[in-house]
Protein backbone atom coordinates (compact mmCIF):
# COMPACT_ATOMS: atom_id res chain seq x y z
CA UNK A 1 -0.91 -5.16 -29.66
CA UNK A 2 -1.97 -2.23 -27.15
CA UNK A 3 0.81 0.20 -26.68
CA UNK A 4 0.89 -0.65 -23.02
CA UNK A 5 2.00 -3.93 -23.67
CA UNK A 6 4.73 -2.97 -26.26
CA UNK A 7 6.46 -0.72 -23.29
CA UNK A 8 7.63 -3.76 -21.52
CA UNK A 9 10.47 -4.43 -19.08
CA UNK A 10 11.81 -7.98 -18.24
CA UNK A 11 10.12 -7.84 -14.94
CA UNK A 12 6.66 -6.65 -16.03
CA UNK A 13 4.61 -3.98 -17.95
CA UNK A 14 5.06 -0.20 -17.59
CA UNK A 15 2.55 2.32 -18.11
CA UNK A 16 2.69 5.15 -20.78
CA UNK A 17 4.59 8.50 -19.82
CA UNK A 18 1.15 10.30 -20.40
CA UNK A 19 -0.67 7.85 -17.83
CA UNK A 20 2.08 8.37 -15.08
CA UNK A 21 1.89 12.05 -15.71
CA UNK A 22 -1.99 12.15 -15.22
CA UNK A 23 -1.41 10.26 -12.17
CA UNK A 24 0.98 12.55 -10.92
CA UNK A 25 -1.47 15.48 -11.62
CA UNK A 26 -4.48 13.88 -9.64
CA UNK A 27 -2.21 12.87 -6.76
CA UNK A 28 -0.94 16.39 -6.46
CA UNK A 29 -4.23 18.19 -6.60
CA UNK A 30 -5.91 15.62 -4.40
CA UNK A 31 -4.08 16.21 -0.55
CA UNK A 32 -2.89 19.07 1.21
CA UNK A 33 0.16 18.72 3.57
CA UNK A 34 -0.82 18.75 7.29
CA UNK A 35 -4.38 17.76 6.71
CA UNK A 36 -5.72 14.78 8.36
CA UNK A 37 -8.18 12.05 7.22
CA UNK A 38 -9.18 8.54 8.02
CA UNK A 39 -9.51 4.91 6.60
CA UNK A 40 -12.29 2.79 7.09
CA UNK A 41 -13.92 -0.32 5.58
CA UNK A 42 -16.40 -3.12 6.41
CA UNK A 43 -15.86 -3.29 10.18
CA UNK A 44 -17.21 0.15 10.33
CA UNK A 45 -20.57 -0.78 8.72
CA UNK A 46 -23.35 0.35 10.88
CA UNK A 47 -21.51 2.48 12.83
CA UNK A 48 -20.81 6.32 13.14
CA UNK A 49 -18.09 7.48 10.63
CA UNK A 50 -15.16 9.83 11.41
CA UNK A 51 -14.93 12.94 9.99
CA UNK A 52 -11.66 14.45 8.16
CA UNK A 53 -10.39 16.40 5.02
CA UNK A 54 -10.57 13.04 3.29
CA UNK A 55 -11.37 9.29 3.65
CA UNK A 56 -9.55 6.10 2.42
CA UNK A 57 -12.46 3.33 1.98
CA UNK A 58 -11.78 -0.50 1.64
CA UNK A 59 -13.03 -2.05 -1.44
CA UNK A 60 -12.93 -5.79 -0.22
CA UNK A 61 -12.72 -7.50 3.11
CA UNK A 62 -9.45 -8.08 4.34
CA UNK A 63 -8.46 -10.72 1.54
CA UNK A 64 -8.64 -10.83 -2.14
CA UNK A 65 -11.39 -12.54 -3.74
CA UNK A 66 -12.93 -13.54 -0.81
CA UNK A 67 -15.80 -11.01 -0.13
CA UNK A 68 -16.21 -7.22 -0.75
CA UNK A 69 -17.29 -4.34 1.79
CA UNK A 70 -21.10 -4.39 1.73
CA UNK A 71 -21.28 -0.60 3.04
CA UNK A 72 -18.68 0.68 0.10
CA UNK A 73 -21.38 2.70 -1.38
CA UNK A 74 -22.40 4.35 1.97
CA UNK A 75 -19.09 4.76 3.47
CA UNK A 76 -17.85 6.39 -0.09
CA UNK A 77 -21.10 8.56 -0.49
CA UNK A 78 -20.41 9.92 3.09
CA UNK A 79 -16.82 10.33 2.89
CA UNK A 80 -15.01 13.67 1.58
CA UNK A 81 -12.21 13.43 -1.26
CA UNK A 82 -12.91 9.52 -0.95
CA UNK A 83 -9.92 7.49 -1.92
CA UNK A 84 -10.16 3.39 -2.36
CA UNK A 85 -7.63 0.84 -1.21
CA UNK A 86 -7.64 -2.84 -2.03
CA UNK A 87 -6.29 -5.87 -0.04
CA UNK A 88 -3.78 -7.63 -2.00
CA UNK A 89 -2.10 -11.15 -1.76
CA UNK A 90 -0.80 -14.01 -3.86
CA UNK A 91 -1.32 -17.93 -3.56
CA UNK A 92 -1.37 -20.52 -6.23
CA UNK A 93 -5.28 -21.13 -5.79
CA UNK A 94 -5.70 -17.37 -7.18
CA UNK A 95 -4.21 -18.68 -10.41
CA UNK A 96 -7.57 -20.61 -11.29
CA UNK A 97 -9.83 -19.26 -13.86
CA UNK A 98 -12.74 -20.42 -11.83
CA UNK A 99 -15.13 -17.22 -11.72
CA UNK A 100 -13.85 -16.57 -8.17
CA UNK A 101 -10.34 -15.82 -9.00
CA UNK A 102 -8.25 -14.97 -12.02
CA UNK A 103 -10.35 -13.65 -15.02
CA UNK A 104 -9.61 -14.83 -18.41
CA UNK A 105 -9.21 -11.45 -19.96
CA UNK A 106 -6.27 -11.19 -17.71
CA UNK A 107 -4.72 -14.33 -18.50
CA UNK A 108 -4.88 -13.06 -22.10
CA UNK A 109 -3.34 -9.88 -21.24
CA UNK A 110 -0.14 -11.53 -19.02
CA UNK A 111 0.71 -13.74 -22.37
CA UNK A 112 2.42 -10.48 -23.20
CA UNK A 113 4.36 -9.97 -19.97
CA UNK A 114 7.90 -11.02 -20.07
CA UNK A 115 8.59 -13.59 -17.39
CA UNK A 116 8.05 -17.52 -16.55
CA UNK A 117 4.77 -19.26 -16.92
CA UNK A 118 4.37 -18.96 -13.02
CA UNK A 119 5.36 -15.07 -13.14
CA UNK A 120 2.75 -14.49 -15.93
CA UNK A 121 0.07 -16.43 -13.91
CA UNK A 122 1.15 -14.01 -10.80
CA UNK A 123 0.61 -11.19 -12.88
CA UNK A 124 -2.67 -12.12 -14.21
CA UNK A 125 -3.86 -12.79 -10.45
CA UNK A 126 -2.85 -8.85 -9.72
CA UNK A 127 -4.63 -7.77 -12.87
CA UNK A 128 -7.46 -9.98 -11.81
CA UNK A 129 -7.45 -8.76 -8.32
CA UNK A 130 -7.68 -4.95 -9.46
CA UNK A 131 -10.44 -5.71 -12.04
CA UNK A 132 -12.98 -7.39 -9.83
CA UNK A 133 -12.08 -4.54 -7.05
CA UNK A 134 -12.76 -2.06 -10.02
CA UNK A 135 -15.69 -3.61 -11.13
CA UNK A 136 -17.07 -3.93 -7.41
CA UNK A 137 -16.51 -0.47 -6.82
CA UNK A 138 -18.00 0.91 -9.97
CA UNK A 139 -21.43 -1.43 -8.97
CA UNK A 140 -21.34 0.53 -5.61
CA UNK A 141 -21.21 3.95 -7.16
CA UNK A 142 -17.45 4.43 -6.33
CA UNK A 143 -16.36 5.59 -9.72
CA UNK A 144 -13.95 8.46 -9.05
CA UNK A 145 -11.69 8.00 -6.36
CA UNK A 146 -9.06 10.50 -5.50
CA UNK A 147 -6.31 7.92 -5.39
CA UNK A 148 -5.88 4.13 -5.26
CA UNK A 149 -3.95 2.35 -2.58
CA UNK A 150 -2.77 -1.47 -2.13
CA UNK A 151 -2.79 -3.02 1.36
CA UNK A 152 0.43 -5.21 1.30
CA UNK A 153 0.65 -6.92 4.40
CA UNK A 154 2.24 -9.96 5.56
CA UNK A 155 -1.05 -11.31 7.24
CA UNK A 156 -2.35 -12.02 3.86
CA UNK A 157 -1.08 -15.24 1.85
CA UNK A 158 2.02 -14.51 -0.28
CA UNK A 159 4.80 -16.85 -1.63
CA UNK A 160 7.50 -17.02 0.69
CA UNK A 161 9.83 -19.19 -1.41
CA UNK A 162 9.71 -16.98 -4.80
CA UNK A 163 9.19 -13.19 -4.17
CA UNK A 164 9.23 -12.48 -7.61
CA UNK A 165 5.50 -14.13 -7.76
CA UNK A 166 4.71 -11.51 -5.31
CA UNK A 167 6.28 -8.79 -7.26
CA UNK A 168 4.50 -10.07 -10.43
CA UNK A 169 1.26 -10.05 -8.62
CA UNK A 170 1.66 -6.37 -7.03
CA UNK A 171 2.86 -5.04 -10.37
CA UNK A 172 -0.23 -6.71 -12.22
CA UNK A 173 -2.57 -4.69 -9.61
CA UNK A 174 -0.93 -1.37 -10.68
CA UNK A 175 -0.67 -1.87 -14.10
CA UNK A 176 -4.11 -2.43 -14.37
CA UNK A 177 -5.33 0.43 -12.18
CA UNK A 178 -3.22 2.96 -13.82
CA UNK A 179 -4.77 1.53 -17.27
CA UNK A 180 -8.37 1.68 -16.24
CA UNK A 181 -8.33 4.81 -13.78
CA UNK A 182 -6.60 8.22 -14.03
CA UNK A 183 -6.33 8.21 -10.44
CA UNK A 184 -3.10 7.98 -8.42
CA UNK A 185 -1.66 4.50 -7.15
CA UNK A 186 0.07 3.85 -3.95
CA UNK A 187 1.20 1.50 -1.60
CA UNK A 188 0.24 0.76 2.25
CA UNK A 189 2.60 -1.24 4.29
CA UNK A 190 5.66 -0.97 6.53
CA UNK A 191 9.15 -1.50 5.64
CA UNK A 192 9.47 -4.75 7.37
CA UNK A 193 6.10 -5.97 5.66
CA UNK A 194 7.25 -4.57 2.30
CA UNK A 195 10.59 -6.02 2.00
CA UNK A 196 9.57 -9.34 3.40
CA UNK A 197 7.03 -9.71 0.59
CA UNK A 198 8.88 -8.08 -2.30
CA UNK A 199 12.54 -7.91 -1.07
CA UNK A 200 14.68 -5.61 -3.39
CA UNK A 201 12.67 -6.40 -6.67
CA UNK A 202 11.28 -3.16 -8.27
CA UNK A 203 7.47 -2.50 -9.03
CA UNK A 204 6.95 0.17 -11.43
CA UNK A 205 4.23 2.87 -11.68
CA UNK A 206 3.92 3.35 -7.87
CA UNK A 207 3.38 6.98 -6.95
CA UNK A 208 3.84 7.21 -3.11
CA UNK A 209 3.84 5.52 0.30
CA UNK A 210 1.16 5.19 3.15
CA UNK A 211 2.85 4.11 6.06
CA UNK A 212 1.13 2.04 9.01
CA UNK A 213 2.56 2.80 12.36
CA UNK A 214 1.43 2.25 15.84
CA UNK A 215 1.70 6.12 16.54
CA UNK A 216 -0.96 7.69 18.74
CA UNK A 217 -0.73 11.46 17.53
CA UNK A 218 -0.22 13.10 14.73
CA UNK A 219 2.73 14.68 15.94
CA UNK A 220 4.50 11.40 16.26
CA UNK A 221 3.42 10.54 12.56
CA UNK A 222 4.92 13.43 11.28
CA UNK A 223 8.31 11.72 12.18
CA UNK A 224 7.53 9.16 9.34
CA UNK A 225 7.31 11.61 6.40
CA UNK A 226 10.02 11.63 3.75
CA UNK A 227 11.25 8.47 1.60
CA UNK A 228 8.87 5.48 2.37
CA UNK A 229 9.72 1.76 2.27
CA UNK A 230 9.54 1.46 -1.39
CA UNK A 231 11.62 4.29 -2.29
CA UNK A 232 8.60 6.77 -2.97
CA UNK A 233 7.47 9.80 -1.15
CA UNK A 234 5.51 9.25 2.01
CA UNK A 235 2.00 11.04 1.37
CA UNK A 236 0.18 9.48 4.46
CA UNK A 237 1.01 8.30 7.95
CA UNK A 238 -1.42 6.34 9.72
CA UNK A 239 -2.18 6.55 13.63
CA UNK A 240 -4.88 5.81 16.00
CA UNK A 241 -6.97 8.54 17.13
CA UNK A 242 -10.34 8.45 18.69
CA UNK A 243 -10.84 4.53 18.04
CA UNK A 244 -10.35 5.11 14.45
CA UNK A 245 -7.48 4.75 11.84
CA UNK A 246 -6.28 8.23 11.50
CA UNK A 247 -3.99 9.52 8.58
CA UNK A 248 -1.69 12.38 8.31
CA UNK A 249 -0.95 13.82 5.00
CA UNK A 250 2.69 14.57 4.52
């Protein structure tokens, strides 16, 4: 059994200390406090791109498993210090091994995760969301992102009756990203959305938070810096400027 599968908590797999240290090192070097960047995805296809010290590019198209950003290669290649984000979610249909959703390799890995069969299936969903996103990003030349971000929003599908299924899905994404990439992993959400989806259930391996706001200036965005919705430090605060989603670095 691989070492990463031996290091299990009752809720999910935990990455090795070496992996966490590497993620911290990459994250610390990638961003400068006070810098501003932007995030773009498929809605910006065919238009002009903003400028900034960094950018965060969407890999998939709003929902997991549905479709992927057709402009990822161009957006990534034209972005300084590019990071990537993936849309996330859980739905029972995602557990199907049908060539579109869960991949067989993730089902095999999930068998070693401590939990109920439904929780193991949810972990496999997250593993599959990450695996398919990494594969697509690699096919588009987006092979060395400065960090990975999970877009966790109530607009996507989640279980409202068993929050542990959402937790296991997110954990599966985090575990898989950290196992396949040296880049840090963070979460994009708000306090309301995060706690609605996950409650107070823990997710390990997340290094930082990226806070969504309705702010219209860097000055207002700066007020959201500190400890984020997941208990991790806030790295980015999103606000709107010049018609684009802009991100302030804490």
